[in-house]
C-alpha atoms as a PDB file:
ATOM      1  CA  MET A   1     133.406 132.837 108.548  1.00  0.00           C
ATOM      2  CA  ILE A   2     130.530 131.682 106.297  1.00  0.00           C
ATOM      3  CA  PRO A   3     128.954 128.507 107.736  1.00  0.00           C
ATOM      4  CA  LEU A   4     128.819 125.305 105.730  1.00  0.00           C
ATOM      5  CA  GLU A   5     125.438 124.392 104.287  1.00  0.00           C
ATOM      6  CA  LEU A   6     126.231 120.974 102.795  1.00  0.00           C
ATOM      7  CA  GLU A   7     129.080 118.544 103.425  1.00  0.00           C
ATOM      8  CA  LEU A   8     129.657 115.334 101.460  1.00  0.00           C
ATOM      9  CA  GLU A   9     132.414 113.152 102.856  1.00  0.00           C
ATOM     10  CA  ASN A  10     133.669 110.051 101.058  1.00  0.00           C
ATOM     11  CA  ILE A  11     130.251 108.975  99.815  1.00  0.00           C
ATOM     12  CA  HIS A  12     129.715 105.830  97.750  1.00  0.00           C
ATOM     13  CA  ILE A  13     126.444 105.225  95.894  1.00  0.00           C
ATOM     14  CA  ALA A  14     125.308 102.116  94.045  1.00  0.00           C
ATOM     15  CA  TYR A  15     122.301 100.905  92.088  1.00  0.00           C
ATOM     16  CA  GLY A  16     122.109  97.295  93.203  1.00  0.00           C
ATOM     17  CA  PRO A  17     125.386  95.657  92.121  1.00  0.00           C
ATOM     18  CA  SER A  18     126.401  98.696  90.013  1.00  0.00           C
ATOM     19  CA  HIS A  19     128.759 101.001  91.906  1.00  0.00           C
ATOM     20  CA  ILE A  20     128.248 104.530  90.498  1.00  0.00           C
ATOM     21  CA  ILE A  21     129.826 107.043  92.909  1.00  0.00           C
ATOM     22  CA  PHE A  22     133.252 106.296  94.379  1.00  0.00           C
ATOM     23  CA  GLY A  23     134.149 108.209  97.517  1.00  0.00           C
ATOM     24  CA  ILE A  24     133.403 111.790  96.517  1.00  0.00           C
ATOM     25  CA  SER A  25     133.670 114.707  98.937  1.00  0.00           C
ATOM     26  CA  ALA A  26     132.380 118.260  98.477  1.00  0.00           C
ATOM     27  CA  VAL A  27     131.280 121.266 100.518  1.00  0.00           C
ATOM     28  CA  LEU A  28     128.906 124.160  99.888  1.00  0.00           C
ATOM     29  CA  LYS A  29     128.924 127.308 101.985  1.00  0.00           C
ATOM     30  CA  GLU A  30     125.711 129.053 102.899  1.00  0.00           C
ATOM     31  CA  GLY A  31     124.464 131.208 100.024  1.00  0.00           C
ATOM     32  CA  GLU A  32     126.832 129.712  97.436  1.00  0.00           C
ATOM     33  CA  VAL A  33     126.028 128.506  93.947  1.00  0.00           C
ATOM     34  CA  VAL A  34     128.235 125.517  93.160  1.00  0.00           C
ATOM     35  CA  CYS A  35     128.098 123.464  89.986  1.00  0.00           C
ATOM     36  CA  LEU A  36     128.690 119.745  89.468  1.00  0.00           C
ATOM     37  CA  LEU A  37     129.974 119.365  85.928  1.00  0.00           C
ATOM     38  CA  GLY A  38     130.723 116.380  83.737  1.00  0.00           C
ATOM     39  CA  ARG A  39     129.715 114.481  80.623  1.00  0.00           C
ATOM     40  CA  ASN A  40     126.565 112.374  80.453  1.00  0.00           C
ATOM     41  CA  GLY A  41     126.621 109.263  82.609  1.00  0.00           C
ATOM     42  CA  VAL A  42     129.378 110.303  85.032  1.00  0.00           C
ATOM     43  CA  GLY A  43     127.141 110.349  88.115  1.00  0.00           C
ATOM     44  CA  LYS A  44     125.816 113.908  88.456  1.00  0.00           C
ATOM     45  CA  THR A  45     122.169 112.909  88.817  1.00  0.00           C
ATOM     46  CA  THR A  46     123.090 110.017  91.105  1.00  0.00           C
ATOM     47  CA  THR A  47     124.934 112.429  93.404  1.00  0.00           C
ATOM     48  CA  LEU A  48     121.912 114.727  93.753  1.00  0.00           C
ATOM     49  CA  ARG A  49     119.580 111.772  94.255  1.00  0.00           C
ATOM     50  CA  GLY A  50     121.936 110.527  96.950  1.00  0.00           C
ATOM     51  CA  ILE A  51     121.773 113.839  98.796  1.00  0.00           C
ATOM     52  CA  MET A  52     117.971 113.845  98.552  1.00  0.00           C
ATOM     53  CA  GLY A  53     117.718 110.314  99.920  1.00  0.00           C
ATOM     54  CA  LEU A  54     116.296 108.821  96.727  1.00  0.00           C
ATOM     55  CA  ASN A  55     119.413 106.687  96.275  1.00  0.00           C
ATOM     56  CA  PRO A  56     121.077 106.894  99.696  1.00  0.00           C
ATOM     57  CA  PRO A  57     124.827 106.269  99.910  1.00  0.00           C
ATOM     58  CA  ILE A  58     126.049 102.830 100.906  1.00  0.00           C
ATOM     59  CA  SER A  59     128.791 104.538 102.908  1.00  0.00           C
ATOM     60  CA  GLY A  60     130.051 108.008 103.745  1.00  0.00           C
ATOM     61  CA  SER A  61     128.506 111.082 105.323  1.00  0.00           C
ATOM     62  CA  ILE A  62     126.114 113.775 104.089  1.00  0.00           C
ATOM     63  CA  LYS A  63     125.530 116.687 106.445  1.00  0.00           C
ATOM     64  CA  PHE A  64     123.064 119.518 105.940  1.00  0.00           C
ATOM     65  CA  LYS A  65     123.644 122.438 108.313  1.00  0.00           C
ATOM     66  CA  GLY A  66     125.799 120.140 110.419  1.00  0.00           C
ATOM     67  CA  GLU A  67     123.130 117.451 110.770  1.00  0.00           C
ATOM     68  CA  GLU A  68     123.644 113.987 109.298  1.00  0.00           C
ATOM     69  CA  ILE A  69     121.002 113.270 106.639  1.00  0.00           C
ATOM     70  CA  ALA A  70     122.533 110.260 104.872  1.00  0.00           C
ATOM     71  CA  GLY A  71     120.058 107.403 105.067  1.00  0.00           C
ATOM     72  CA  LYS A  72     117.093 109.560 106.044  1.00  0.00           C
ATOM     73  CA  PRO A  73     113.933 109.262 103.908  1.00  0.00           C
ATOM     74  CA  PRO A  74     113.389 111.984 101.301  1.00  0.00           C
ATOM     75  CA  PHE A  75     110.371 113.515 103.060  1.00  0.00           C
ATOM     76  CA  LEU A  76     112.425 114.217 106.182  1.00  0.00           C
ATOM     77  CA  ILE A  77     115.263 115.687 104.128  1.00  0.00           C
ATOM     78  CA  SER A  78     112.725 117.907 102.379  1.00  0.00           C
ATOM     79  CA  ARG A  79     111.227 119.009 105.691  1.00  0.00           C
ATOM     80  CA  ALA A  80     114.707 119.903 106.932  1.00  0.00           C
ATOM     81  CA  GLY A  81     115.004 122.451 104.104  1.00  0.00           C
ATOM     82  CA  VAL A  82     116.369 120.685 101.015  1.00  0.00           C
ATOM     83  CA  GLY A  83     114.536 121.182  97.712  1.00  0.00           C
ATOM     84  CA  TYR A  84     115.057 119.051  94.610  1.00  0.00           C
ATOM     85  CA  VAL A  85     114.182 119.764  90.980  1.00  0.00           C
ATOM     86  CA  PRO A  86     114.731 116.557  88.983  1.00  0.00           C
ATOM     87  CA  GLU A  87     115.904 116.452  85.400  1.00  0.00           C
ATOM     88  CA  GLU A  88     112.475 115.136  84.298  1.00  0.00           C
ATOM     89  CA  ARG A  89     110.710 118.066  86.070  1.00  0.00           C
ATOM     90  CA  ARG A  90     107.905 115.770  87.291  1.00  0.00           C
ATOM     91  CA  ILE A  91     105.126 118.350  87.218  1.00  0.00           C
ATOM     92  CA  PHE A  92     101.528 117.131  87.341  1.00  0.00           C
ATOM     93  CA  GLN A  93     100.387 117.317  83.725  1.00  0.00           C
ATOM     94  CA  ASP A  94      96.638 117.264  84.475  1.00  0.00           C
ATOM     95  CA  LEU A  95      96.792 119.920  87.195  1.00  0.00           C
ATOM     96  CA  ASN A  96      96.980 123.618  86.441  1.00  0.00           C
ATOM     97  CA  VAL A  97      99.885 125.853  87.418  1.00  0.00           C
ATOM     98  CA  SER A  98      98.273 127.074  90.624  1.00  0.00           C
ATOM     99  CA  GLU A  99      97.401 123.530  91.731  1.00  0.00           C
ATOM    100  CA  ASN A 100     100.944 122.319  91.035  1.00  0.00           C
ATOM    101  CA  LEU A 101     102.332 125.101  93.191  1.00  0.00           C
ATOM    102  CA  LYS A 102      99.926 124.528  96.080  1.00  0.00           C
ATOM    103  CA  ILE A 103     100.882 120.839  96.196  1.00  0.00           C
ATOM    104  CA  GLY A 104     104.487 121.865  96.825  1.00  0.00           C
ATOM    105  CA  GLN A 105     103.631 124.240  99.661  1.00  0.00           C
ATOM    106  CA  MET A 106     105.236 123.327 102.967  1.00  0.00           C
ATOM    107  CA  LYS A 107     106.590 125.031 106.080  1.00  0.00           C
ATOM    108  CA  VAL A 108     110.214 124.159 106.763  1.00  0.00           C
ATOM    109  CA  ARG A 109     111.682 123.972 110.233  1.00  0.00           C
ATOM    110  CA  GLY A 110     113.431 127.179 111.291  1.00  0.00           C
ATOM    111  CA  THR A 111     112.111 129.387 108.480  1.00  0.00           C
ATOM    112  CA  VAL A 112     110.326 132.696 108.999  1.00  0.00           C
ATOM    113  CA  GLY A 113     107.990 134.067 106.345  1.00  0.00           C
ATOM    114  CA  GLY A 114     108.889 132.040 103.286  1.00  0.00           C
ATOM    115  CA  TRP A 115     107.504 131.589  99.802  1.00  0.00           C
ATOM    116  CA  SER A 116     103.839 132.227  99.109  1.00  0.00           C
ATOM    117  CA  LEU A 117     101.907 131.912  95.876  1.00  0.00           C
ATOM    118  CA  GLU A 118     102.089 135.688  95.473  1.00  0.00           C
ATOM    119  CA  LYS A 119     105.857 135.798  95.991  1.00  0.00           C
ATOM    120  CA  VAL A 120     106.416 132.968  93.510  1.00  0.00           C
ATOM    121  CA  TYR A 121     104.243 134.729  90.938  1.00  0.00           C
ATOM    122  CA  ASP A 122     106.260 137.922  91.447  1.00  0.00           C
ATOM    123  CA  LEU A 123     109.389 135.959  90.503  1.00  0.00           C
ATOM    124  CA  PHE A 124     107.652 134.057  87.688  1.00  0.00           C
ATOM    125  CA  PRO A 125     105.175 136.502  86.084  1.00  0.00           C
ATOM    126  CA  SER A 126     104.707 134.204  83.075  1.00  0.00           C
ATOM    127  CA  LEU A 127     103.403 131.488  85.384  1.00  0.00           C
ATOM    128  CA  LYS A 128     100.916 133.917  86.888  1.00  0.00           C
ATOM    129  CA  GLU A 129      99.623 134.677  83.411  1.00  0.00           C
ATOM    130  CA  ARG A 130      99.121 130.936  82.823  1.00  0.00           C
ATOM    131  CA  SER A 131      98.001 130.012  86.325  1.00  0.00           C
ATOM    132  CA  HIS A 132      94.872 128.251  85.050  1.00  0.00           C
ATOM    133  CA  HIS A 133      96.637 126.302  82.308  1.00  0.00           C
ATOM    134  CA  ARG A 134      97.353 122.627  82.878  1.00  0.00           C
ATOM    135  CA  GLY A 135     100.926 121.347  83.003  1.00  0.00           C
ATOM    136  CA  MET A 136     100.565 119.624  79.647  1.00  0.00           C
ATOM    137  CA  GLU A 137      99.692 122.961  78.021  1.00  0.00           C
ATOM    138  CA  LEU A 138     102.946 124.645  79.034  1.00  0.00           C
ATOM    139  CA  SER A 139     106.063 124.947  76.907  1.00  0.00           C
ATOM    140  CA  GLY A 140     109.256 123.168  77.959  1.00  0.00           C
ATOM    141  CA  GLY A 141     110.659 126.371  79.411  1.00  0.00           C
ATOM    142  CA  GLU A 142     107.467 127.081  81.319  1.00  0.00           C
ATOM    143  CA  GLN A 143     107.441 123.546  82.705  1.00  0.00           C
ATOM    144  CA  GLN A 144     111.001 124.018  83.949  1.00  0.00           C
ATOM    145  CA  MET A 145     110.065 127.287  85.630  1.00  0.00           C
ATOM    146  CA  LEU A 146     107.046 125.579  87.203  1.00  0.00           C
ATOM    147  CA  ALA A 147     109.215 122.751  88.542  1.00  0.00           C
ATOM    148  CA  ILE A 148     111.567 125.259  90.182  1.00  0.00           C
ATOM    149  CA  ALA A 149     108.689 127.388  91.459  1.00  0.00           C
ATOM    150  CA  ARG A 150     106.974 124.352  92.981  1.00  0.00           C
ATOM    151  CA  SER A 151     110.177 123.470  94.821  1.00  0.00           C
ATOM    152  CA  LEU A 152     110.383 127.020  96.190  1.00  0.00           C
ATOM    153  CA  MET A 153     106.910 126.599  97.692  1.00  0.00           C
ATOM    154  CA  GLY A 154     108.537 124.126 100.062  1.00  0.00           C
ATOM    155  CA  ASN A 155     110.750 126.961 101.393  1.00  0.00           C
ATOM    156  CA  PRO A 156     114.113 125.265 100.760  1.00  0.00           C
ATOM    157  CA  GLN A 157     117.344 126.629 102.166  1.00  0.00           C
ATOM    158  CA  LEU A 158     119.330 124.367  99.830  1.00  0.00           C
ATOM    159  CA  LEU A 159     118.113 123.781  96.267  1.00  0.00           C
ATOM    160  CA  LEU A 160     119.356 120.858  94.159  1.00  0.00           C
ATOM    161  CA  LEU A 161     118.908 121.523  90.424  1.00  0.00           C
ATOM    162  CA  ASP A 162     119.452 118.633  88.020  1.00  0.00           C
ATOM    163  CA  GLU A 163     120.233 119.690  84.422  1.00  0.00           C
ATOM    164  CA  PRO A 164     117.801 122.646  84.471  1.00  0.00           C
ATOM    165  CA  SER A 165     118.949 123.950  81.065  1.00  0.00           C
ATOM    166  CA  GLN A 166     118.277 120.678  79.245  1.00  0.00           C
ATOM    167  CA  GLY A 167     116.088 121.244  76.189  1.00  0.00           C
ATOM    168  CA  LEU A 168     115.921 125.008  76.655  1.00  0.00           C
ATOM    169  CA  ALA A 169     116.661 127.478  73.865  1.00  0.00           C
ATOM    170  CA  PRO A 170     119.618 129.835  74.463  1.00  0.00           C
ATOM    171  CA  ILE A 171     117.352 132.785  75.323  1.00  0.00           C
ATOM    172  CA  LEU A 172     115.601 130.659  77.976  1.00  0.00           C
ATOM    173  CA  GLN A 173     118.940 129.481  79.328  1.00  0.00           C
ATOM    174  CA  LYS A 174     119.855 133.130  79.849  1.00  0.00           C
ATOM    175  CA  LYS A 175     116.594 133.690  81.756  1.00  0.00           C
ATOM    176  CA  LEU A 176     117.372 130.597  83.816  1.00  0.00           C
ATOM    177  CA  GLY A 177     120.780 132.021  84.681  1.00  0.00           C
ATOM    178  CA  ASN A 178     119.175 135.262  85.875  1.00  0.00           C
ATOM    179  CA  LEU A 179     116.677 133.256  87.918  1.00  0.00           C
ATOM    180  CA  ILE A 180     119.454 131.315  89.670  1.00  0.00           C
ATOM    181  CA  LYS A 181     121.179 134.585  90.548  1.00  0.00           C
ATOM    182  CA  ASN A 182     117.900 135.952  91.932  1.00  0.00           C
ATOM    183  CA  LEU A 183     117.441 132.853  94.082  1.00  0.00           C
ATOM    184  CA  GLN A 184     120.957 133.279  95.438  1.00  0.00           C
ATOM    185  CA  GLN A 185     120.086 136.860  96.385  1.00  0.00           C
ATOM    186  CA  GLU A 186     117.112 135.422  98.291  1.00  0.00           C
ATOM    187  CA  GLY A 187     119.628 133.525 100.415  1.00  0.00           C
ATOM    188  CA  ILE A 188     119.157 130.084  98.855  1.00  0.00           C
ATOM    189  CA  THR A 189     122.208 127.853  98.493  1.00  0.00           C
ATOM    190  CA  ILE A 190     122.217 126.045  95.134  1.00  0.00           C
ATOM    191  CA  PHE A 191     123.938 122.839  94.046  1.00  0.00           C
ATOM    192  CA  LEU A 192     123.605 122.656  90.282  1.00  0.00           C
ATOM    193  CA  ALA A 193     124.271 119.538  88.197  1.00  0.00           C
ATOM    194  CA  GLU A 194     124.717 120.810  84.678  1.00  0.00           C
ATOM    195  CA  GLN A 195     126.157 119.963  81.290  1.00  0.00           C
ATOM    196  CA  SER A 196     125.979 123.484  79.876  1.00  0.00           C
ATOM    197  CA  LEU A 197     129.408 124.886  80.643  1.00  0.00           C
ATOM    198  CA  ARG A 198     128.316 128.367  79.639  1.00  0.00           C
ATOM    199  CA  LEU A 199     125.484 128.455  82.176  1.00  0.00           C
ATOM    200  CA  ALA A 200     127.567 126.837  84.900  1.00  0.00           C
ATOM    201  CA  LEU A 201     130.408 129.317  84.616  1.00  0.00           C
ATOM    202  CA  GLU A 202     127.981 132.250  84.480  1.00  0.00           C
ATOM    203  CA  VAL A 203     126.138 131.492  87.724  1.00  0.00           C
ATOM    204  CA  SER A 204     128.620 129.520  89.870  1.00  0.00           C
ATOM    205  CA  SER A 205     131.522 130.580  92.046  1.00  0.00           C
ATOM    206  CA  ARG A 206     133.068 127.096  92.281  1.00  0.00           C
ATOM    207  CA  VAL A 207     132.791 123.836  90.378  1.00  0.00           C
ATOM    208  CA  TYR A 208     133.395 120.137  90.868  1.00  0.00           C
ATOM    209  CA  ILE A 209     134.020 117.984  87.803  1.00  0.00           C
ATOM    210  CA  LEU A 210     132.974 114.341  87.861  1.00  0.00           C
ATOM    211  CA  GLU A 211     134.363 111.584  85.678  1.00  0.00           C
ATOM    212  CA  LYS A 212     133.446 107.917  86.112  1.00  0.00           C
ATOM    213  CA  GLY A 213     131.971 108.576  89.539  1.00  0.00           C
ATOM    214  CA  THR A 214     134.972 110.362  91.020  1.00  0.00           C
ATOM    215  CA  ILE A 215     135.854 114.043  91.350  1.00  0.00           C
ATOM    216  CA  LYS A 216     138.706 114.889  89.013  1.00  0.00           C
ATOM    217  CA  PHE A 217     138.796 118.647  89.557  1.00  0.00           C
ATOM    218  CA  GLU A 218     137.558 121.148  92.110  1.00  0.00           C
ATOM    219  CA  GLY A 219     138.206 124.842  91.979  1.00  0.00           C
ATOM    220  CA  THR A 220     136.931 128.272  91.076  1.00  0.00           C
ATOM    221  CA  VAL A 221     135.346 129.439  87.860  1.00  0.00           C
ATOM    222  CA  ASP A 222     138.390 131.660  87.292  1.00  0.00           C
ATOM    223  CA  GLU A 223     140.673 128.615  87.449  1.00  0.00           C
ATOM    224  CA  ILE A 224     138.643 126.809  84.789  1.00  0.00           C
ATOM    225  CA  ASN A 225     138.516 129.869  82.559  1.00  0.00           C
ATOM    226  CA  ALA A 226     142.295 130.212  82.847  1.00  0.00           C
ATOM    227  CA  ASP A 227     143.026 126.601  81.854  1.00  0.00           C
ATOM    228  CA  GLU A 228     141.470 125.331  78.624  1.00  0.00           C
ATOM    229  CA  SER A 229     143.033 121.903  79.191  1.00  0.00           C
ATOM    230  CA  ILE A 230     140.573 121.232  82.022  1.00  0.00           C
ATOM    231  CA  LYS A 231     137.623 121.816  79.694  1.00  0.00           C
ATOM    232  CA  SER A 232     139.045 119.717  76.880  1.00  0.00           C
ATOM    233  CA  LYS A 233     140.056 116.835  79.145  1.00  0.00           C
ATOM    234  CA  TYR A 234     136.884 116.451  81.219  1.00  0.00           C
ATOM    235  CA  LEU A 235     134.074 118.344  79.481  1.00  0.00           C
ATOM    236  CA  ALA A 236     134.587 118.162  75.715  1.00  0.00           C
ATOM    237  CA  VAL A 237     132.216 115.795  73.907  1.00  0.00           C
END
């Protein structure tokens, strides 16, 4: 039996008086790629921020590898082996590629070997070519790759990706899909919040669909592909 990597149980998240997430539950098995789908404003980003401790839940449980992490500060969650790539990317614009990557370098508890600058450059050869260029000099696609690469330098076992395809041309979205598959082959579990249905269904095995802060559907990619009504009801703009 494949062990569980992440367990969300009946979590509620609020921003001050605004209740955003209403009792959602989800599980990810080790080595899985699972996508959180939904229209803009349904709570996808809030869910990932809740897992990372940036907006901790007001109630409910979040377990990573069986250990409760709900309420822990983000730096401890990161040290435990959870990586986070925010929608805004948050790279350091005045630092070059190599400096951005070195800032993200960290040894995670229980890992052997891990990601080095050389290994990251093997996966992202375009970043190696531009290693001395500052963040502000990179294209949008290169900045997204740098944000993911910097997170890998922290040796995550679980990677949270928030809208990674946003603003990317179709050819770059395809490269992103291949990258996600490569990361899965490296043994990384990925929880992907995404609006691009095409990318989500290409890289994921299972999906959860959010609407108004609650999960309205959970199932396999095959189930979504077999039922167009699910797409039209919850995902059509």
